[in-house]
Amino acid sequence: MDPRRIEEACLKCKDSCCSRCFEVGEESIFNCLTDEELELLVKEKRHVHFNAGETILKQNTSASHVVCIKNGLAKIIAEGDGDKKLILRLVVTHSILTGGGIFVDEIRHFTVQAVTEVNCCFIDTEKIYELVSKNSQFAFELLKLNNRQNIQMLNNLVGITQKYMPGRVADLLLYLKNEIFLCNPFDTRLSRKELSDMCGMTMESFIRILKEFKSSDIISVDGTTIHVVDEEALLLISKKG
């Protein structure tokens, strides 16, 4: 991106991103900052554009920056040995990512990869440390944000390890409809392989259960677009596990 465009984008962020775009969302941790603190936050901040498939954060690298997703869809991936990967959750517009180890070992504990085109801001971690030390309300909001994200990923892992495959797929569909896309039908923009990774199962098993849900008139499927026809049935399957 042209450096002048980056500079212009970051100047606009002071009013349009950092102070306002988090007001209506859950991630409103910047609202408690003073004008002086906000000025510190946006100073030397960098706006970066990623194409679909590009890596935004890489597991096991230094947690040198906090990333704010301005718009787009990305996935958080836990990378294991070899080619083993588990998609822990998705992140959408106005999400804030610390990498998991910002206050512990300063190492990123997961990979973040763009699913669609993503625009985001990289904020120097040192700025966050300074704000945390000066503003207790900001520190509290950041702690709550990290706790919510950790609880969500823990619940996903519990579902994957303790539920049968139909329950996992039901959980995924409910999660996509009610927490990520907030509409019905919704375009997942994800491949069957990516969806099966989110359920911790093989792609063949995922496709088989998806077909079973379709034949039972619980959902309809058209490519990457899914329509939840009978949400009560999905809730029951999720509950039974």
C-alpha atoms as a PDB file:
ATOM      1  CA  MET A   1       0.000   0.000   0.000  1.00  0.00           C
ATOM      2  CA  ASP A   2       1.170   3.567  -0.765  1.00  0.00           C
ATOM      3  CA  PRO A   3       2.726   5.075   2.413  1.00  0.00           C
ATOM      4  CA  ARG A   4       0.630   8.208   1.896  1.00  0.00           C
ATOM      5  CA  ARG A   5      -2.543   6.127   1.885  1.00  0.00           C
ATOM      6  CA  ILE A   6      -1.378   4.397   5.084  1.00  0.00           C
ATOM      7  CA  GLU A   7      -0.775   7.766   6.732  1.00  0.00           C
ATOM      8  CA  GLU A   8      -4.182   9.071   5.656  1.00  0.00           C
ATOM      9  CA  ALA A   9      -5.908   5.905   6.889  1.00  0.00           C
ATOM     10  CA  CYS A  10      -4.205   6.133  10.277  1.00  0.00           C
ATOM     11  CA  LEU A  11      -5.071   9.803  10.694  1.00  0.00           C
ATOM     12  CA  LYS A  12      -8.730   8.965  10.084  1.00  0.00           C
ATOM     13  CA  CYS A  13      -8.504   6.149  12.634  1.00  0.00           C
ATOM     14  CA  LYS A  14      -8.211   8.579  15.526  1.00  0.00           C
ATOM     15  CA  ASP A  15     -11.824   9.648  15.100  1.00  0.00           C
ATOM     16  CA  SER A  16     -13.443   6.955  12.972  1.00  0.00           C
ATOM     17  CA  CYS A  17     -11.822   3.763  14.264  1.00  0.00           C
ATOM     18  CA  CYS A  18     -10.163   3.883  17.661  1.00  0.00           C
ATOM     19  CA  SER A  19     -12.717   6.129  19.365  1.00  0.00           C
ATOM     20  CA  ARG A  20     -15.980   5.377  17.567  1.00  0.00           C
ATOM     21  CA  CYS A  21     -16.139   2.058  15.768  1.00  0.00           C
ATOM     22  CA  PHE A  22     -16.064   0.083  19.034  1.00  0.00           C
ATOM     23  CA  GLU A  23     -18.933   1.983  20.671  1.00  0.00           C
ATOM     24  CA  VAL A  24     -21.773  -0.287  19.605  1.00  0.00           C
ATOM     25  CA  GLY A  25     -19.874  -3.555  19.679  1.00  0.00           C
ATOM     26  CA  GLU A  26     -18.795  -5.799  22.485  1.00  0.00           C
ATOM     27  CA  GLU A  27     -15.170  -4.773  22.089  1.00  0.00           C
ATOM     28  CA  SER A  28     -15.423  -1.233  23.513  1.00  0.00           C
ATOM     29  CA  ILE A  29     -12.155  -1.120  25.429  1.00  0.00           C
ATOM     30  CA  PHE A  30     -10.950   2.104  23.767  1.00  0.00           C
ATOM     31  CA  ASN A  31     -13.941   4.144  24.939  1.00  0.00           C
ATOM     32  CA  CYS A  32     -12.414   4.703  28.381  1.00  0.00           C
ATOM     33  CA  LEU A  33      -9.287   6.390  27.019  1.00  0.00           C
ATOM     34  CA  THR A  34      -8.699  10.120  27.382  1.00  0.00           C
ATOM     35  CA  ASP A  35      -7.872  12.233  24.339  1.00  0.00           C
ATOM     36  CA  GLU A  36      -4.221  12.195  25.378  1.00  0.00           C
ATOM     37  CA  GLU A  37      -4.226   8.407  25.760  1.00  0.00           C
ATOM     38  CA  LEU A  38      -5.971   7.990  22.426  1.00  0.00           C
ATOM     39  CA  GLU A  39      -3.309  10.152  20.832  1.00  0.00           C
ATOM     40  CA  LEU A  40      -0.655   7.838  22.304  1.00  0.00           C
ATOM     41  CA  LEU A  41      -2.519   4.793  20.975  1.00  0.00           C
ATOM     42  CA  VAL A  42      -2.725   5.936  17.363  1.00  0.00           C
ATOM     43  CA  LYS A  43       0.773   7.398  17.218  1.00  0.00           C
ATOM     44  CA  GLU A  44       2.900   5.309  14.837  1.00  0.00           C
ATOM     45  CA  LYS A  45       0.020   2.860  14.362  1.00  0.00           C
ATOM     46  CA  ARG A  46       0.074   1.066  11.010  1.00  0.00           C
ATOM     47  CA  HIS A  47      -2.846   0.245   8.739  1.00  0.00           C
ATOM     48  CA  VAL A  48      -2.355  -3.030   6.817  1.00  0.00           C
ATOM     49  CA  HIS A  49      -4.456  -4.706   4.120  1.00  0.00           C
ATOM     50  CA  PHE A  50      -4.461  -8.500   3.767  1.00  0.00           C
ATOM     51  CA  ASN A  51      -5.863 -10.560   0.914  1.00  0.00           C
ATOM     52  CA  ALA A  52      -7.823 -13.752   1.548  1.00  0.00           C
ATOM     53  CA  GLY A  53      -5.511 -16.564   2.629  1.00  0.00           C
ATOM     54  CA  GLU A  54      -2.709 -14.320   3.879  1.00  0.00           C
ATOM     55  CA  THR A  55      -1.367 -14.710   7.428  1.00  0.00           C
ATOM     56  CA  ILE A  56      -2.044 -11.771   9.752  1.00  0.00           C
ATOM     57  CA  LEU A  57      -0.354 -13.193  12.867  1.00  0.00           C
ATOM     58  CA  LYS A  58       1.878 -16.263  13.047  1.00  0.00           C
ATOM     59  CA  GLN A  59       1.968 -18.695  15.960  1.00  0.00           C
ATOM     60  CA  ASN A  60       5.215 -18.730  18.006  1.00  0.00           C
ATOM     61  CA  THR A  61       6.358 -15.306  16.797  1.00  0.00           C
ATOM     62  CA  SER A  62       6.975 -12.304  19.050  1.00  0.00           C
ATOM     63  CA  ALA A  63       3.820 -10.541  20.302  1.00  0.00           C
ATOM     64  CA  SER A  64       5.152  -7.166  19.209  1.00  0.00           C
ATOM     65  CA  HIS A  65       1.781  -5.741  18.171  1.00  0.00           C
ATOM     66  CA  VAL A  66      -1.902  -5.880  19.021  1.00  0.00           C
ATOM     67  CA  VAL A  67      -4.135  -6.142  15.945  1.00  0.00           C
ATOM     68  CA  CYS A  68      -7.522  -4.476  15.514  1.00  0.00           C
ATOM     69  CA  ILE A  69      -9.650  -5.894  12.685  1.00  0.00           C
ATOM     70  CA  LYS A  70     -11.322  -2.885  11.034  1.00  0.00           C
ATOM     71  CA  ASN A  71     -13.285  -4.979   8.552  1.00  0.00           C
ATOM     72  CA  GLY A  72     -13.254  -8.465   7.081  1.00  0.00           C
ATOM     73  CA  LEU A  73     -13.327 -12.057   8.312  1.00  0.00           C
ATOM     74  CA  ALA A  74     -10.377 -14.018   9.718  1.00  0.00           C
ATOM     75  CA  LYS A  75      -9.829 -17.338  11.464  1.00  0.00           C
ATOM     76  CA  ILE A  76      -7.810 -18.196  14.577  1.00  0.00           C
ATOM     77  CA  ILE A  77      -5.811 -21.401  14.113  1.00  0.00           C
ATOM     78  CA  ALA A  78      -3.976 -23.562  16.650  1.00  0.00           C
ATOM     79  CA  GLU A  79      -1.139 -25.249  14.779  1.00  0.00           C
ATOM     80  CA  GLY A  80       0.073 -28.656  15.957  1.00  0.00           C
ATOM     81  CA  ASP A  81       2.782 -31.009  14.770  1.00  0.00           C
ATOM     82  CA  GLY A  82       3.085 -31.506  11.048  1.00  0.00           C
ATOM     83  CA  ASP A  83       0.012 -30.315   9.164  1.00  0.00           C
ATOM     84  CA  LYS A  84      -2.362 -30.637  12.127  1.00  0.00           C
ATOM     85  CA  LYS A  85      -4.502 -27.534  12.567  1.00  0.00           C
ATOM     86  CA  LEU A  86      -7.616 -26.638  14.556  1.00  0.00           C
ATOM     87  CA  ILE A  87      -9.667 -23.539  13.799  1.00  0.00           C
ATOM     88  CA  LEU A  88     -10.560 -22.241  17.269  1.00  0.00           C
ATOM     89  CA  ARG A  89     -12.914 -19.457  16.231  1.00  0.00           C
ATOM     90  CA  LEU A  90     -13.575 -16.736  13.675  1.00  0.00           C
ATOM     91  CA  VAL A  91     -12.997 -13.024  14.107  1.00  0.00           C
ATOM     92  CA  VAL A  92     -14.968 -10.323  12.353  1.00  0.00           C
ATOM     93  CA  THR A  93     -15.074  -6.551  12.027  1.00  0.00           C
ATOM     94  CA  HIS A  94     -14.027  -4.631  15.177  1.00  0.00           C
ATOM     95  CA  SER A  95     -12.271  -7.570  16.811  1.00  0.00           C
ATOM     96  CA  ILE A  96      -9.122  -7.009  18.858  1.00  0.00           C
ATOM     97  CA  LEU A  97      -6.379  -9.664  18.912  1.00  0.00           C
ATOM     98  CA  THR A  98      -3.481  -9.789  21.342  1.00  0.00           C
ATOM     99  CA  GLY A  99      -2.014 -13.131  20.276  1.00  0.00           C
ATOM    100  CA  GLY A 100      -2.625 -14.777  23.637  1.00  0.00           C
ATOM    101  CA  GLY A 101       0.705 -14.156  25.338  1.00  0.00           C
ATOM    102  CA  ILE A 102       0.957 -10.382  25.503  1.00  0.00           C
ATOM    103  CA  PHE A 103       1.297 -10.250  29.318  1.00  0.00           C
ATOM    104  CA  VAL A 104       2.849 -13.690  29.868  1.00  0.00           C
ATOM    105  CA  ASP A 105       5.674 -14.698  27.554  1.00  0.00           C
ATOM    106  CA  GLU A 106       5.245 -12.126  24.750  1.00  0.00           C
ATOM    107  CA  ILE A 107       4.725 -14.968  22.260  1.00  0.00           C
ATOM    108  CA  ARG A 108       1.746 -15.442  19.955  1.00  0.00           C
ATOM    109  CA  HIS A 109       0.031 -18.712  20.761  1.00  0.00           C
ATOM    110  CA  PHE A 110      -2.085 -18.992  17.623  1.00  0.00           C
ATOM    111  CA  THR A 111      -2.096 -18.046  13.958  1.00  0.00           C
ATOM    112  CA  VAL A 112      -4.593 -15.600  12.465  1.00  0.00           C
ATOM    113  CA  GLN A 113      -5.325 -15.944   8.755  1.00  0.00           C
ATOM    114  CA  ALA A 114      -7.567 -13.821   6.539  1.00  0.00           C
ATOM    115  CA  VAL A 115     -10.659 -15.585   5.153  1.00  0.00           C
ATOM    116  CA  THR A 116     -11.782 -12.545   3.136  1.00  0.00           C
ATOM    117  CA  GLU A 117      -9.955  -9.304   2.445  1.00  0.00           C
ATOM    118  CA  VAL A 118      -9.083  -7.807   5.829  1.00  0.00           C
ATOM    119  CA  ASN A 119      -8.140  -4.280   6.816  1.00  0.00           C
ATOM    120  CA  CYS A 120      -6.571  -3.946  10.229  1.00  0.00           C
ATOM    121  CA  CYS A 121      -4.412  -1.747  12.417  1.00  0.00           C
ATOM    122  CA  PHE A 122      -1.194  -2.862  14.107  1.00  0.00           C
ATOM    123  CA  ILE A 123      -0.583  -1.144  17.452  1.00  0.00           C
ATOM    124  CA  ASP A 124       2.785  -1.416  19.196  1.00  0.00           C
ATOM    125  CA  THR A 125       2.441  -3.619  22.294  1.00  0.00           C
ATOM    126  CA  GLU A 126       4.512  -1.108  24.256  1.00  0.00           C
ATOM    127  CA  LYS A 127       1.665   1.393  23.827  1.00  0.00           C
ATOM    128  CA  ILE A 128      -0.746  -1.124  25.354  1.00  0.00           C
ATOM    129  CA  TYR A 129       1.614  -1.727  28.295  1.00  0.00           C
ATOM    130  CA  GLU A 130       1.806   2.007  28.942  1.00  0.00           C
ATOM    131  CA  LEU A 131      -1.968   2.463  28.780  1.00  0.00           C
ATOM    132  CA  VAL A 132      -2.549  -0.508  31.099  1.00  0.00           C
ATOM    133  CA  SER A 133      -0.163   0.973  33.668  1.00  0.00           C
ATOM    134  CA  LYS A 134      -1.828   4.400  33.506  1.00  0.00           C
ATOM    135  CA  ASN A 135      -5.526   3.599  33.062  1.00  0.00           C
ATOM    136  CA  SER A 136      -7.026   0.959  35.376  1.00  0.00           C
ATOM    137  CA  GLN A 137     -10.378   1.012  33.552  1.00  0.00           C
ATOM    138  CA  PHE A 138      -8.655   0.236  30.261  1.00  0.00           C
ATOM    139  CA  ALA A 139      -6.726  -2.595  31.945  1.00  0.00           C
ATOM    140  CA  PHE A 140     -10.012  -3.971  33.324  1.00  0.00           C
ATOM    141  CA  GLU A 141     -11.730  -3.830  29.918  1.00  0.00           C
ATOM    142  CA  LEU A 142      -8.769  -5.511  28.224  1.00  0.00           C
ATOM    143  CA  LEU A 143      -8.794  -8.241  30.880  1.00  0.00           C
ATOM    144  CA  LYS A 144     -12.527  -8.817  30.317  1.00  0.00           C
ATOM    145  CA  LEU A 145     -11.974  -8.988  26.559  1.00  0.00           C
ATOM    146  CA  ASN A 146      -9.240 -11.615  26.912  1.00  0.00           C
ATOM    147  CA  ASN A 147     -11.384 -13.595  29.355  1.00  0.00           C
ATOM    148  CA  ARG A 148     -14.354 -13.608  26.959  1.00  0.00           C
ATOM    149  CA  GLN A 149     -12.169 -14.773  24.090  1.00  0.00           C
ATOM    150  CA  ASN A 150     -10.558 -17.504  26.205  1.00  0.00           C
ATOM    151  CA  ILE A 151     -13.925 -18.732  27.513  1.00  0.00           C
ATOM    152  CA  GLN A 152     -15.299 -18.910  23.983  1.00  0.00           C
ATOM    153  CA  MET A 153     -12.340 -20.947  22.759  1.00  0.00           C
ATOM    154  CA  LEU A 154     -12.544 -23.192  25.838  1.00  0.00           C
ATOM    155  CA  ASN A 155     -16.241 -23.852  25.213  1.00  0.00           C
ATOM    156  CA  ASN A 156     -15.455 -24.723  21.607  1.00  0.00           C
ATOM    157  CA  LEU A 157     -12.767 -27.174  22.693  1.00  0.00           C
ATOM    158  CA  VAL A 158     -15.077 -28.762  25.285  1.00  0.00           C
ATOM    159  CA  GLY A 159     -17.732 -29.233  22.605  1.00  0.00           C
ATOM    160  CA  ILE A 160     -15.229 -30.824  20.223  1.00  0.00           C
ATOM    161  CA  THR A 161     -13.899 -33.257  22.834  1.00  0.00           C
ATOM    162  CA  GLN A 162     -17.162 -34.169  24.598  1.00  0.00           C
ATOM    163  CA  LYS A 163     -19.867 -34.083  21.933  1.00  0.00           C
ATOM    164  CA  TYR A 164     -20.675 -36.534  19.170  1.00  0.00           C
ATOM    165  CA  MET A 165     -20.178 -35.298  15.623  1.00  0.00           C
ATOM    166  CA  PRO A 166     -23.809 -34.182  14.988  1.00  0.00           C
ATOM    167  CA  GLY A 167     -23.643 -32.036  18.136  1.00  0.00           C
ATOM    168  CA  ARG A 168     -20.409 -30.431  16.974  1.00  0.00           C
ATOM    169  CA  VAL A 169     -21.852 -29.571  13.567  1.00  0.00           C
ATOM    170  CA  ALA A 170     -25.006 -28.187  15.176  1.00  0.00           C
ATOM    171  CA  ASP A 171     -22.882 -26.015  17.478  1.00  0.00           C
ATOM    172  CA  LEU A 172     -20.919 -24.714  14.506  1.00  0.00           C
ATOM    173  CA  LEU A 173     -23.999 -23.789  12.498  1.00  0.00           C
ATOM    174  CA  LEU A 174     -25.571 -21.997  15.471  1.00  0.00           C
ATOM    175  CA  TYR A 175     -22.288 -20.178  16.119  1.00  0.00           C
ATOM    176  CA  LEU A 176     -22.011 -19.003  12.507  1.00  0.00           C
ATOM    177  CA  LYS A 177     -25.637 -17.858  12.346  1.00  0.00           C
ATOM    178  CA  ASN A 178     -25.985 -16.187  15.738  1.00  0.00           C
ATOM    179  CA  GLU A 179     -22.504 -14.937  16.602  1.00  0.00           C
ATOM    180  CA  ILE A 180     -20.558 -14.382  13.396  1.00  0.00           C
ATOM    181  CA  PHE A 181     -22.799 -13.509  10.453  1.00  0.00           C
ATOM    182  CA  LEU A 182     -25.937 -12.506  12.394  1.00  0.00           C
ATOM    183  CA  CYS A 183     -28.217 -13.369   9.493  1.00  0.00           C
ATOM    184  CA  ASN A 184     -30.012 -16.301   7.897  1.00  0.00           C
ATOM    185  CA  PRO A 185     -29.170 -17.562   5.322  1.00  0.00           C
ATOM    186  CA  PHE A 186     -25.454 -16.767   5.582  1.00  0.00           C
ATOM    187  CA  ASP A 187     -22.450 -17.208   3.306  1.00  0.00           C
ATOM    188  CA  THR A 188     -19.756 -18.940   5.370  1.00  0.00           C
ATOM    189  CA  ARG A 189     -17.012 -18.017   2.860  1.00  0.00           C
ATOM    190  CA  LEU A 190     -15.317 -21.132   4.226  1.00  0.00           C
ATOM    191  CA  SER A 191     -14.477 -24.381   2.480  1.00  0.00           C
ATOM    192  CA  ARG A 192     -15.824 -27.710   3.703  1.00  0.00           C
ATOM    193  CA  LYS A 193     -12.309 -28.490   4.926  1.00  0.00           C
ATOM    194  CA  GLU A 194     -12.217 -25.323   7.026  1.00  0.00           C
ATOM    195  CA  LEU A 195     -15.667 -26.024   8.470  1.00  0.00           C
ATOM    196  CA  SER A 196     -14.695 -29.588   9.324  1.00  0.00           C
ATOM    197  CA  ASP A 197     -11.516 -28.294  10.996  1.00  0.00           C
ATOM    198  CA  MET A 198     -13.684 -26.116  13.233  1.00  0.00           C
ATOM    199  CA  CYS A 199     -15.541 -29.260  14.324  1.00  0.00           C
ATOM    200  CA  GLY A 200     -12.424 -31.362  14.834  1.00  0.00           C
ATOM    201  CA  MET A 201     -13.472 -34.027  12.333  1.00  0.00           C
ATOM    202  CA  THR A 202     -12.627 -35.230   8.854  1.00  0.00           C
ATOM    203  CA  MET A 203     -14.124 -33.439   5.879  1.00  0.00           C
ATOM    204  CA  GLU A 204     -15.916 -36.652   4.825  1.00  0.00           C
ATOM    205  CA  SER A 205     -17.642 -36.962   8.214  1.00  0.00           C
ATOM    206  CA  PHE A 206     -18.627 -33.287   8.169  1.00  0.00           C
ATOM    207  CA  ILE A 207     -20.132 -33.519   4.681  1.00  0.00           C
ATOM    208  CA  ARG A 208     -22.055 -36.672   5.667  1.00  0.00           C
ATOM    209  CA  ILE A 209     -23.642 -34.976   8.704  1.00  0.00           C
ATOM    210  CA  LEU A 210     -24.379 -31.847   6.680  1.00  0.00           C
ATOM    211  CA  LYS A 211     -26.258 -34.033   4.167  1.00  0.00           C
ATOM    212  CA  GLU A 212     -28.164 -35.693   7.022  1.00  0.00           C
ATOM    213  CA  PHE A 213     -29.247 -32.288   8.339  1.00  0.00           C
ATOM    214  CA  LYS A 214     -30.274 -31.292   4.821  1.00  0.00           C
ATOM    215  CA  SER A 215     -32.299 -34.457   4.204  1.00  0.00           C
ATOM    216  CA  SER A 216     -34.055 -33.887   7.558  1.00  0.00           C
ATOM    217  CA  ASP A 217     -35.024 -30.352   6.451  1.00  0.00           C
ATOM    218  CA  ILE A 218     -33.003 -28.803   9.264  1.00  0.00           C
ATOM    219  CA  ILE A 219     -30.873 -26.774   6.858  1.00  0.00           C
ATOM    220  CA  SER A 220     -30.577 -26.032   3.167  1.00  0.00           C
ATOM    221  CA  VAL A 221     -27.213 -25.662   1.474  1.00  0.00           C
ATOM    222  CA  ASP A 222     -26.178 -23.888  -1.722  1.00  0.00           C
ATOM    223  CA  GLY A 223     -22.407 -23.887  -2.140  1.00  0.00           C
ATOM    224  CA  THR A 224     -20.957 -21.963   0.804  1.00  0.00           C
ATOM    225  CA  THR A 225     -24.356 -20.484   1.687  1.00  0.00           C
ATOM    226  CA  ILE A 226     -26.292 -22.201   4.487  1.00  0.00           C
ATOM    227  CA  HIS A 227     -29.879 -21.546   5.547  1.00  0.00           C
ATOM    228  CA  VAL A 228     -30.943 -22.741   8.983  1.00  0.00           C
ATOM    229  CA  VAL A 229     -34.528 -23.924   8.416  1.00  0.00           C
ATOM    230  CA  ASP A 230     -35.208 -25.506  11.822  1.00  0.00           C
ATOM    231  CA  GLU A 231     -33.136 -23.836  14.543  1.00  0.00           C
ATOM    232  CA  GLU A 232     -35.017 -25.649  17.301  1.00  0.00           C
ATOM    233  CA  ALA A 233     -33.857 -28.968  15.877  1.00  0.00           C
ATOM    234  CA  LEU A 234     -30.269 -27.734  15.837  1.00  0.00           C
ATOM    235  CA  LEU A 235     -30.573 -26.578  19.451  1.00  0.00           C
ATOM    236  CA  LEU A 236     -31.898 -30.000  20.455  1.00  0.00           C
ATOM    237  CA  ILE A 237     -29.058 -31.794  18.657  1.00  0.00           C
ATOM    238  CA  SER A 238     -26.564 -29.441  20.313  1.00  0.00           C
ATOM    239  CA  LYS A 239     -28.062 -30.055  23.745  1.00  0.00           C
ATOM    240  CA  LYS A 240     -28.031 -33.833  23.366  1.00  0.00           C
ATOM    241  CA  GLY A 241     -24.452 -33.634  22.142  1.00  0.00           C
END
